[in-house]
Amino acid sequence: MTEHTNFYKRLDALEQRVGKARSAVQTAASESDAQLKQRIDRAQADLDRSVEDARRDVAQAADDARTTWAQVKADAAAKMSDVKANMDRRALHVDAKVAAHDAEFAESDAMDALDFADWALENAQLAILDAIHARAYADRLAKDEANA
């Protein structure tokens, strides 16, 4: 299996995750409050695992680029980890104006997360193209040395 195949598999997995996220969002739009709370709890647990994985990556990363990306991932995941607290806080709101402001803030956070995902995908594409180029260059140099 080549590194290119690994890139394709990872991109396919990301595409599947986007499909699952889209489906979850569509389903959540019609769920009851209790169902939404359960869905958020599951998503929060998944995110907490992701934060731990990212922290472990930071601890184990050997090169600066990987360390930086793992730290960015950990920071972004940690920022999102207060979703449950926001949900619990929302339950205390009795004022429609305050609740509407809270909803606007949550929607803004969601848009920021989508912007970050878009940036991350663009960054991944650039990194993949760079890796493909670097591998092709290294292979060409090795071939030239072998033929010399």
Foldseek 3Di string as FASTA:
>chain_A
DDVVVVVVVVVVVVVVVVVVVVVVVVVLVPDDPVVVLVVVVVVLVVLVVQLVVLVVQLVPPDDDVSNVVSVVSNVLSVVPNCPNVLSVVLVVDPDPVVNVVSVVVVVVNVVVVVVVVVVVVVVVVVVVVVVVVVVVVVVVVVVVVVVD
